[in-house]
Amino acid sequence: MVRELKALLMALVIIAGAAMPAPAQAQETRDTARLKFYFWERVRQESWDNTMSLDEAAADTSSYVRLRTSLGAEWAPSGAWRLHLRLTNENRVYLAPKLDPRLKTDFNVHEVIFDQLYVRWNSPGRQGLTATVGRFDMMLGEGFLVMDGGPLDGSRSGYFNGLRLDCALKNRNNLTFFFVRQPRSDTLLPVVNDKHQAMVEQEEQGLGFYFSGKAKQTGMDAYLFRKDTFAFGLLPAGALHIAGGRLVHPFSPKLSLTAEGAVQLGTLADRNRRGLGGYFHLDHKPGRRFPVPAQLTLGGIYLSGDDPATPRHEGWDAAFSRWPKWSDSLIYLQARETRVADWTNFVSLYAGLVLEPADKVKLHLAWHRLSAPEKTAPSALLSGAGRDRGDLLIAKIAYDVSRNLAGRLIWEYFQPGDFYVAGADPFHWLQFELFFRF
């Protein structure tokens, strides 16, 4: 399959090259051919204490600076063809502890990767077809099931390797088909200064159909996915079928409801599996100036857990959505429970608001009341006796200084409940970020 993907990518590049204008046509196509370059730099500091241990006495303090640099280029030789390239590198400077836990150095000079490399073709016409092949970012809906193809490298990248077809239908409806394959590390394209960065625990493959449309004023999505996970070491193979839908209904210009739900059926090793998951949020936008909130939100999340007393596996599988959708700090705690950013056995009832105290400044505040659908086996972290995960407070301020510069500051505080071991300590988690783009 790796050879097939490489051959497919090469074929598309050759096809794109064949479609380029010959030198004799250069004068005629000068107005349509375009070449653009991009530069992104993200400077992010993250600091936290006992986020993974919930133990004030443990050596669980971390503070580091992440420097992510991306260079991109896009060539549109005609209105139908587009070639996109983006190279990315993320280095870390460790402050506490003084050394990178894996590389044993205070400055982590990491890989330069192809973060994106794809060819895109658009057919003419209002009801046209768009084909994308190669390495590309993909988010379907709100990223509930499809958002990040490589969760183990954090936010350095989120790409998928594969093919995507988008068909524009009548009445602003759209049908998307995708096929992706994610190896355990980046073996499909060259890597400079290869550190063998793990992308996923096991090789994964997925395909699916995603329909999005409208019925009067209500947005309606429906989808069918399949995900296959290949055995590696002690990790078993699995097959998962997912069916679900999403709707966005405006009750008025200021009040709207968003809800999404899905069911999962399949196998995990020799066990049958069934998972249920969904969320909703009711958003009210008063449309008045500060100090009135710009937005008020009430929401809920339900992701089923596995009951160890049954032969079937009922835990929700996050599919291709292991990213900090609801919290930037909890994904680290999840690494001790199951896997990093593994949203499963999770319930939240939450409230939030957005304030806009000045132009280009937004303050987001949220409180999550957390629990678990199922108790779990006791461990050094988990009590095995309760379902109360605890309370999570989030404050985020975002400032768009200009079209080229933006920044944000996030503080999260978690107070654990009886889902965790007795005496579990709370934690604070802090992130500061500057983002430059040209």
Protein backbone atom coordinates (compact mmCIF):
# COMPACT_ATOMS: atom_id res chain seq x y z
CA MET A 1 0.00 0.00 0.00
CA VAL A 2 2.91 2.35 0.67
CA ARG A 3 4.22 1.72 -2.84
CA GLU A 4 0.72 2.25 -4.24
CA LEU A 5 0.33 5.60 -2.47
CA LYS A 6 3.74 6.75 -3.69
CA ALA A 7 2.90 5.65 -7.21
CA LEU A 8 -0.47 7.41 -7.04
CA LEU A 9 1.12 10.64 -5.83
CA MET A 10 3.78 10.45 -8.53
CA ALA A 11 1.15 9.79 -11.18
CA LEU A 12 -0.83 12.87 -10.15
CA VAL A 13 2.31 15.01 -10.22
CA ILE A 14 3.08 13.70 -13.72
CA ILE A 15 -0.49 14.34 -14.84
CA ALA A 16 -0.31 17.86 -13.40
CA GLY A 17 2.97 18.40 -15.22
CA ALA A 18 1.48 17.16 -18.46
CA ALA A 19 -1.35 19.64 -18.07
CA MET A 20 1.06 22.56 -17.67
CA PRO A 21 1.35 24.94 -20.59
CA ALA A 22 4.22 24.39 -23.02
CA PRO A 23 6.80 27.18 -23.40
CA ALA A 24 5.07 28.39 -26.56
CA GLN A 25 1.92 28.94 -24.54
CA ALA A 26 3.60 30.83 -21.71
CA GLN A 27 2.56 34.25 -22.96
CA GLU A 28 -1.07 33.16 -23.30
CA THR A 29 -1.25 31.75 -19.75
CA ARG A 30 0.74 34.43 -17.94
CA ASP A 31 -2.45 35.93 -16.48
CA THR A 32 -3.74 32.63 -15.10
CA ALA A 33 -0.60 30.98 -13.71
CA ARG A 34 0.11 32.00 -10.10
CA LEU A 35 2.87 31.20 -7.64
CA LYS A 36 2.51 32.12 -3.96
CA PHE A 37 4.81 31.64 -0.98
CA TYR A 38 3.84 31.49 2.69
CA PHE A 39 5.68 31.66 6.01
CA TRP A 40 4.33 30.70 9.44
CA GLU A 41 6.10 30.84 12.78
CA ARG A 42 4.47 29.71 16.02
CA VAL A 43 6.18 30.38 19.35
CA ARG A 44 4.41 28.53 22.14
CA GLN A 45 5.34 28.03 25.79
CA GLU A 46 3.59 25.37 27.84
CA SER A 47 4.01 25.00 31.59
CA TRP A 48 2.29 22.55 33.92
CA ASP A 49 2.67 20.63 37.16
CA ASN A 50 1.31 17.16 38.11
CA THR A 51 -0.92 17.18 35.04
CA MET A 52 -0.11 13.52 34.35
CA SER A 53 0.32 12.26 37.92
CA LEU A 54 -2.22 14.30 39.95
CA ASP A 55 0.42 14.15 42.69
CA GLU A 56 2.04 17.29 44.09
CA ALA A 57 4.91 15.22 45.47
CA ALA A 58 5.77 13.62 42.11
CA ALA A 59 8.48 14.91 39.76
CA ASP A 60 5.86 15.92 37.23
CA THR A 61 6.76 19.50 36.36
CA SER A 62 7.28 20.54 32.76
CA SER A 63 7.99 23.82 31.01
CA TYR A 64 9.22 24.16 27.45
CA VAL A 65 9.08 26.42 24.41
CA ARG A 66 7.88 25.00 21.10
CA LEU A 67 9.16 26.70 17.95
CA ARG A 68 7.22 25.59 14.87
CA THR A 69 8.34 26.97 11.50
CA SER A 70 6.51 26.33 8.24
CA LEU A 71 7.35 27.37 4.68
CA GLY A 72 4.72 26.88 2.01
CA ALA A 73 4.29 27.36 -1.70
CA GLU A 74 1.27 27.08 -3.94
CA TRP A 75 1.36 26.93 -7.72
CA ALA A 76 -1.83 27.35 -9.72
CA PRO A 77 -0.81 26.91 -13.39
CA SER A 78 -4.44 27.22 -14.43
CA GLY A 79 -7.88 27.59 -12.93
CA ALA A 80 -8.27 23.81 -12.70
CA TRP A 81 -4.93 22.70 -11.24
CA ARG A 82 -3.21 23.50 -7.97
CA LEU A 83 -0.02 22.13 -6.43
CA HIS A 84 0.57 22.82 -2.72
CA LEU A 85 3.72 22.24 -0.67
CA ARG A 86 4.45 22.96 2.99
CA LEU A 87 7.60 22.08 4.93
CA THR A 88 7.46 22.15 8.74
CA ASN A 89 9.89 21.84 11.60
CA GLU A 90 9.18 22.08 15.33
CA ASN A 91 12.02 22.38 17.85
CA ARG A 92 11.69 22.50 21.62
CA VAL A 93 13.71 24.31 24.26
CA TYR A 94 13.33 22.62 27.65
CA LEU A 95 13.28 24.72 30.80
CA ALA A 96 12.03 22.21 33.37
CA PRO A 97 13.20 19.53 33.29
CA LYS A 98 16.42 20.77 31.75
CA LEU A 99 16.59 17.92 29.24
CA ASP A 100 14.19 16.54 26.66
CA PRO A 101 13.00 13.29 28.31
CA ARG A 102 13.49 11.36 25.04
CA LEU A 103 16.51 12.96 23.37
CA LYS A 104 18.34 13.92 26.61
CA THR A 105 19.21 17.44 25.46
CA ASP A 106 17.93 20.87 26.42
CA PHE A 107 17.40 21.92 22.78
CA ASN A 108 15.51 19.47 20.63
CA VAL A 109 16.58 19.93 16.99
CA HIS A 110 13.84 17.94 15.35
CA GLU A 111 12.76 16.82 11.89
CA VAL A 112 11.90 18.79 8.78
CA ILE A 113 8.85 17.11 7.27
CA PHE A 114 6.49 17.47 4.34
CA ASP A 115 3.52 18.77 6.30
CA GLN A 116 1.54 19.10 3.06
CA LEU A 117 2.20 17.94 -0.49
CA TYR A 118 -0.85 17.55 -2.68
CA VAL A 119 -2.25 18.08 -6.14
CA ARG A 120 -5.80 19.41 -6.48
CA TRP A 121 -7.94 19.42 -9.60
CA ASN A 122 -11.23 21.32 -9.96
CA SER A 123 -13.61 20.45 -12.77
CA PRO A 124 -15.43 23.37 -14.40
CA GLY A 125 -19.10 24.02 -13.72
CA ARG A 126 -21.25 24.90 -10.75
CA GLN A 127 -21.90 21.24 -9.84
CA GLY A 128 -18.25 20.26 -10.20
CA LEU A 129 -15.83 17.72 -8.81
CA THR A 130 -12.70 18.50 -6.79
CA ALA A 131 -10.02 15.83 -6.43
CA THR A 132 -7.17 16.12 -3.91
CA VAL A 133 -4.41 13.53 -3.68
CA GLY A 134 -1.25 13.43 -1.60
CA ARG A 135 -0.75 14.77 1.92
CA PHE A 136 -3.32 17.31 3.11
CA ASP A 137 -5.22 18.59 6.15
CA MET A 138 -8.84 17.54 6.52
CA MET A 139 -11.52 18.51 9.03
CA LEU A 140 -15.08 17.27 8.59
CA GLY A 141 -17.82 19.07 10.51
CA GLU A 142 -16.47 20.22 13.87
CA GLY A 143 -13.72 17.59 13.87
CA PHE A 144 -15.73 15.16 15.99
CA LEU A 145 -14.41 12.13 14.08
CA VAL A 146 -12.01 13.43 11.41
CA MET A 147 -9.43 16.08 12.23
CA ASP A 148 -5.92 14.79 13.02
CA GLY A 149 -4.18 11.90 11.28
CA GLY A 150 -1.12 11.79 13.57
CA PRO A 151 -1.91 12.55 17.23
CA LEU A 152 1.47 11.46 18.64
CA ASP A 153 3.37 14.44 17.23
CA GLY A 154 1.05 16.87 19.01
CA SER A 155 0.10 20.00 17.12
CA ARG A 156 3.21 19.93 14.93
CA SER A 157 1.04 18.53 12.14
CA GLY A 158 -2.40 17.07 11.52
CA TYR A 159 -2.10 15.74 7.98
CA PHE A 160 -3.67 12.77 6.22
CA ASN A 161 -2.14 10.70 3.41
CA GLY A 162 -4.57 9.71 0.72
CA LEU A 163 -7.31 10.82 -1.64
CA ARG A 164 -10.28 13.14 -1.21
CA LEU A 165 -13.10 13.73 -3.69
CA ASP A 166 -15.64 16.54 -3.22
CA CYS A 167 -18.72 16.66 -5.41
CA ALA A 168 -20.79 19.86 -5.39
CA LEU A 169 -24.48 18.95 -5.73
CA LYS A 170 -27.57 21.04 -6.30
CA ASN A 171 -28.95 23.43 -3.69
CA ARG A 172 -25.53 23.94 -2.06
CA ASN A 173 -25.27 20.29 -1.01
CA ASN A 174 -21.93 18.50 -1.05
CA LEU A 175 -20.75 14.88 -0.97
CA THR A 176 -17.21 14.00 0.12
CA PHE A 177 -15.39 10.69 -0.25
CA PHE A 178 -11.99 10.05 1.30
CA PHE A 179 -9.46 7.26 1.64
CA VAL A 180 -6.48 7.68 3.99
CA ARG A 181 -3.66 5.54 5.30
CA GLN A 182 -1.55 6.58 8.29
CA PRO A 183 1.70 4.68 8.98
CA ARG A 184 3.19 4.53 12.48
CA SER A 185 5.88 7.02 11.45
CA ASP A 186 6.49 9.14 8.38
CA THR A 187 7.71 6.58 5.85
CA LEU A 188 5.86 7.87 2.77
CA LEU A 189 7.90 11.03 2.09
CA PRO A 190 11.52 12.04 2.81
CA VAL A 191 12.33 13.38 6.29
CA VAL A 192 15.33 15.61 7.02
CA ASN A 193 17.11 14.82 10.31
CA ASP A 194 14.85 11.82 10.86
CA LYS A 195 14.14 11.22 14.57
CA HIS A 196 11.63 8.43 13.85
CA GLN A 197 8.84 10.49 15.35
CA ALA A 198 5.87 8.23 16.09
CA MET A 199 2.62 9.45 14.53
CA VAL A 200 0.19 6.74 15.70
CA GLU A 201 0.59 3.66 17.88
CA GLN A 202 -0.58 1.35 15.09
CA GLU A 203 -0.89 1.77 11.35
CA GLU A 204 -4.40 2.95 10.46
CA GLN A 205 -6.52 3.07 7.35
CA GLY A 206 -9.88 4.73 6.78
CA LEU A 207 -12.44 5.60 4.18
CA GLY A 208 -15.83 7.23 4.23
CA PHE A 209 -18.61 9.30 2.76
CA TYR A 210 -19.68 12.63 4.25
CA PHE A 211 -22.79 14.46 3.01
CA SER A 212 -23.52 18.05 3.99
CA GLY A 213 -26.56 20.04 2.98
CA LYS A 214 -29.50 22.14 4.09
CA ALA A 215 -33.19 21.63 4.63
CA LYS A 216 -34.63 25.14 4.66
CA GLN A 217 -32.53 26.90 7.31
CA THR A 218 -31.27 23.77 9.06
CA GLY A 219 -27.84 22.47 8.17
CA MET A 220 -27.78 18.67 8.03
CA ASP A 221 -24.78 16.33 7.69
CA ALA A 222 -24.72 12.54 7.46
CA TYR A 223 -21.79 10.18 7.20
CA LEU A 224 -20.58 6.58 6.96
CA PHE A 225 -16.97 5.77 7.87
CA ARG A 226 -14.80 2.69 8.19
CA LYS A 227 -11.53 2.55 10.10
CA ASP A 228 -9.10 -0.37 10.20
CA THR A 229 -6.29 -0.63 12.73
CA PHE A 230 -3.45 -3.07 12.05
CA ALA A 231 -1.92 -5.22 14.78
CA PHE A 232 1.47 -4.15 16.15
CA GLY A 233 3.27 -5.86 19.02
CA LEU A 234 0.74 -6.47 21.78
CA LEU A 235 -1.75 -4.04 20.24
CA PRO A 236 -4.55 -5.95 18.47
CA ALA A 237 -6.09 -5.31 15.08
CA GLY A 238 -9.52 -3.72 14.88
CA ALA A 239 -12.24 -2.81 12.43
CA LEU A 240 -14.77 -0.08 13.05
CA HIS A 241 -17.88 1.03 11.16
CA ILE A 242 -19.30 4.45 12.07
CA ALA A 243 -22.65 5.97 11.12
CA GLY A 244 -23.79 9.36 12.32
CA GLY A 245 -25.08 12.81 11.59
CA ARG A 246 -24.93 16.45 12.58
CA LEU A 247 -27.44 19.30 12.47
CA VAL A 248 -27.27 23.04 13.02
CA HIS A 249 -30.66 24.66 13.56
CA PRO A 250 -31.13 28.43 14.02
CA PHE A 251 -34.11 29.18 16.22
CA SER A 252 -33.52 32.87 15.56
CA PRO A 253 -30.70 35.07 14.24
CA LYS A 254 -29.24 35.05 17.77
CA LEU A 255 -29.99 31.51 18.99
CA SER A 256 -28.86 28.22 17.41
CA LEU A 257 -28.55 24.55 18.36
CA THR A 258 -25.77 22.25 17.13
CA ALA A 259 -25.95 18.50 17.78
CA GLU A 260 -24.03 15.50 16.50
CA GLY A 261 -24.24 11.81 17.30
CA ALA A 262 -22.82 8.54 15.99
CA VAL A 263 -22.88 4.80 16.61
CA GLN A 264 -19.84 2.54 16.19
CA LEU A 265 -19.89 -1.19 15.44
CA GLY A 266 -17.02 -3.53 14.73
CA THR A 267 -14.40 -5.79 16.26
CA LEU A 268 -11.35 -5.37 18.48
CA ALA A 269 -9.19 -8.51 18.41
CA ASP A 270 -11.75 -11.27 19.13
CA ARG A 271 -14.29 -8.97 20.82
CA ASN A 272 -17.31 -7.37 19.22
CA ARG A 273 -17.60 -3.67 19.86
CA ARG A 274 -20.31 -1.05 20.04
CA GLY A 275 -19.77 2.58 20.97
CA LEU A 276 -22.04 5.60 21.23
CA GLY A 277 -20.99 9.23 21.19
CA GLY A 278 -22.31 12.69 20.65
CA TYR A 279 -22.45 16.28 21.79
CA PHE A 280 -24.66 19.35 21.63
CA HIS A 281 -24.26 23.04 22.27
CA LEU A 282 -26.87 25.80 22.43
CA ASP A 283 -25.36 29.17 21.48
CA HIS A 284 -26.87 32.59 22.10
CA LYS A 285 -25.26 35.67 20.55
CA PRO A 286 -26.88 38.81 22.02
CA GLY A 287 -25.32 41.11 19.43
CA ARG A 288 -24.57 43.83 21.97
CA ARG A 289 -21.28 45.39 23.00
CA PHE A 290 -19.16 44.69 26.09
CA PRO A 291 -19.82 44.18 29.00
CA VAL A 292 -22.65 42.06 27.58
CA PRO A 293 -21.22 38.68 26.50
CA ALA A 294 -20.76 38.27 22.77
CA GLN A 295 -21.82 34.61 23.13
CA LEU A 296 -23.34 32.34 25.78
CA THR A 297 -23.10 28.56 25.43
CA LEU A 298 -24.64 25.56 27.19
CA GLY A 299 -23.48 22.15 26.06
CA GLY A 300 -23.00 18.49 26.76
CA ILE A 301 -20.73 15.65 25.63
CA TYR A 302 -21.26 11.89 25.90
CA LEU A 303 -18.64 9.32 24.85
CA SER A 304 -19.35 5.75 25.95
CA GLY A 305 -16.98 3.75 28.12
CA ASP A 306 -16.15 0.06 28.22
CA ASP A 307 -17.82 -2.05 30.89
CA PRO A 308 -15.16 -4.60 31.92
CA ALA A 309 -17.89 -6.98 33.14
CA THR A 310 -19.18 -7.63 29.60
CA PRO A 311 -17.50 -9.59 26.77
CA ARG A 312 -18.23 -6.78 24.32
CA HIS A 313 -16.11 -3.62 24.06
CA GLU A 314 -18.37 -0.57 24.45
CA GLY A 315 -15.75 2.18 24.63
CA TRP A 316 -16.00 5.08 22.20
CA ASP A 317 -13.22 5.23 19.62
CA ALA A 318 -12.06 8.75 18.75
CA ALA A 319 -11.25 7.54 15.19
CA PHE A 320 -9.23 10.34 13.52
CA SER A 321 -10.09 13.01 16.10
CA ARG A 322 -7.50 12.65 18.84
CA TRP A 323 -6.83 16.35 19.31
CA PRO A 324 -7.57 18.91 22.09
CA LYS A 325 -11.13 19.59 20.97
CA TRP A 326 -12.50 20.29 24.45
CA SER A 327 -9.35 20.78 26.55
CA ASP A 328 -5.65 21.33 25.95
CA SER A 329 -4.61 19.92 29.33
CA LEU A 330 -6.78 16.80 29.67
CA ILE A 331 -5.12 15.15 26.68
CA TYR A 332 -1.97 14.72 28.82
CA LEU A 333 -3.93 13.10 31.63
CA GLN A 334 -5.61 10.80 29.09
CA ALA A 335 -2.15 9.49 28.16
CA ARG A 336 -1.99 7.85 31.62
CA GLU A 337 -5.53 6.56 31.41
CA THR A 338 -5.54 5.09 27.89
CA ARG A 339 -3.74 7.05 25.12
CA VAL A 340 -2.89 10.70 24.56
CA ALA A 341 -5.94 12.69 23.39
CA ASP A 342 -8.09 9.57 23.61
CA TRP A 343 -11.60 10.92 24.17
CA THR A 344 -13.50 7.94 25.58
CA ASN A 345 -15.55 7.09 28.69
CA PHE A 346 -16.18 10.80 29.03
CA VAL A 347 -19.19 12.95 29.95
CA SER A 348 -19.31 16.71 30.32
CA LEU A 349 -22.03 19.24 31.04
CA TYR A 350 -20.56 22.66 30.44
CA ALA A 351 -21.28 26.36 30.23
CA GLY A 352 -19.23 29.03 28.55
CA LEU A 353 -19.21 32.64 27.50
CA VAL A 354 -17.23 34.89 25.20
CA LEU A 355 -16.48 38.52 26.02
CA GLU A 356 -15.07 41.09 23.60
CA PRO A 357 -13.61 43.84 25.82
CA ALA A 358 -11.84 45.50 22.87
CA ASP A 359 -11.54 45.24 19.12
CA LYS A 360 -9.73 42.05 18.07
CA VAL A 361 -9.69 40.77 21.68
CA LYS A 362 -11.80 37.82 22.84
CA LEU A 363 -11.99 36.28 26.30
CA HIS A 364 -13.36 32.73 26.46
CA LEU A 365 -14.47 31.31 29.82
CA ALA A 366 -15.80 27.77 30.37
CA TRP A 367 -16.67 25.38 33.20
CA HIS A 368 -16.97 21.62 32.62
CA ARG A 369 -18.62 19.25 35.10
CA LEU A 370 -17.01 15.92 34.20
CA SER A 371 -17.92 12.30 34.81
CA ALA A 372 -17.48 8.85 33.27
CA PRO A 373 -20.21 6.49 32.01
CA GLU A 374 -18.32 3.45 33.36
CA LYS A 375 -16.07 2.69 36.28
CA THR A 376 -12.66 1.39 35.34
CA ALA A 377 -10.10 -1.05 36.70
CA PRO A 378 -8.09 0.43 39.59
CA SER A 379 -4.53 1.57 38.91
CA ALA A 380 -1.92 3.96 40.24
CA LEU A 381 -4.02 6.80 38.78
CA LEU A 382 -7.62 5.53 38.72
CA SER A 383 -9.62 4.55 41.80
CA GLY A 384 -11.88 2.03 40.09
CA ALA A 385 -14.57 3.04 42.60
CA GLY A 386 -16.23 6.19 41.25
CA ARG A 387 -17.46 7.93 38.11
CA ASP A 388 -16.92 11.59 39.12
CA ARG A 389 -14.04 12.88 37.01
CA GLY A 390 -14.13 16.34 38.60
CA ASP A 391 -14.31 19.96 37.47
CA LEU A 392 -12.41 21.75 34.73
CA LEU A 393 -12.11 25.53 34.43
CA ILE A 394 -10.79 27.12 31.24
CA ALA A 395 -9.90 30.74 30.49
CA LYS A 396 -8.52 31.80 27.13
CA ILE A 397 -7.77 35.25 25.79
CA ALA A 398 -7.05 35.68 22.09
CA TYR A 399 -5.72 38.85 20.48
CA ASP A 400 -5.49 39.38 16.72
CA VAL A 401 -2.93 42.17 16.61
CA SER A 402 -2.97 42.36 12.81
CA ARG A 403 -3.46 40.11 9.82
CA ASN A 404 0.15 38.95 10.31
CA LEU A 405 0.35 38.61 14.10
CA ALA A 406 -1.90 36.97 16.67
CA GLY A 407 -1.50 35.70 20.21
CA ARG A 408 -3.35 33.80 22.90
CA LEU A 409 -3.05 32.79 26.53
CA ILE A 410 -4.78 29.70 27.97
CA TRP A 411 -5.13 28.74 31.62
CA GLU A 412 -6.77 25.51 32.70
CA TYR A 413 -7.44 24.25 36.22
CA PHE A 414 -8.57 20.72 37.00
CA GLN A 415 -9.96 19.49 40.32
CA PRO A 416 -10.15 15.67 40.21
CA GLY A 417 -13.07 13.65 41.59
CA ASP A 418 -13.41 10.09 42.88
CA PHE A 419 -12.79 8.58 39.42
CA TYR A 420 -9.13 9.10 40.34
CA VAL A 421 -7.26 7.71 43.35
CA ALA A 422 -8.00 9.09 46.80
CA GLY A 423 -5.92 12.17 47.53
CA ALA A 424 -5.45 13.10 43.87
CA ASP A 425 -4.22 16.68 43.65
CA PRO A 426 -5.50 19.40 41.30
CA PHE A 427 -3.32 20.89 38.57
CA HIS A 428 -2.78 24.16 36.75
CA TRP A 429 -1.87 24.22 33.06
CA LEU A 430 -0.70 27.32 31.18
CA GLN A 431 0.02 28.04 27.53
CA PHE A 432 1.19 31.24 25.86
CA GLU A 433 1.44 31.53 22.10
CA LEU A 434 2.44 34.01 19.38
CA PHE A 435 1.68 33.26 15.75
CA PHE A 436 3.29 35.07 12.81
CA ARG A 437 2.09 34.58 9.23
CA PHE A 438 3.22 36.22 6.00
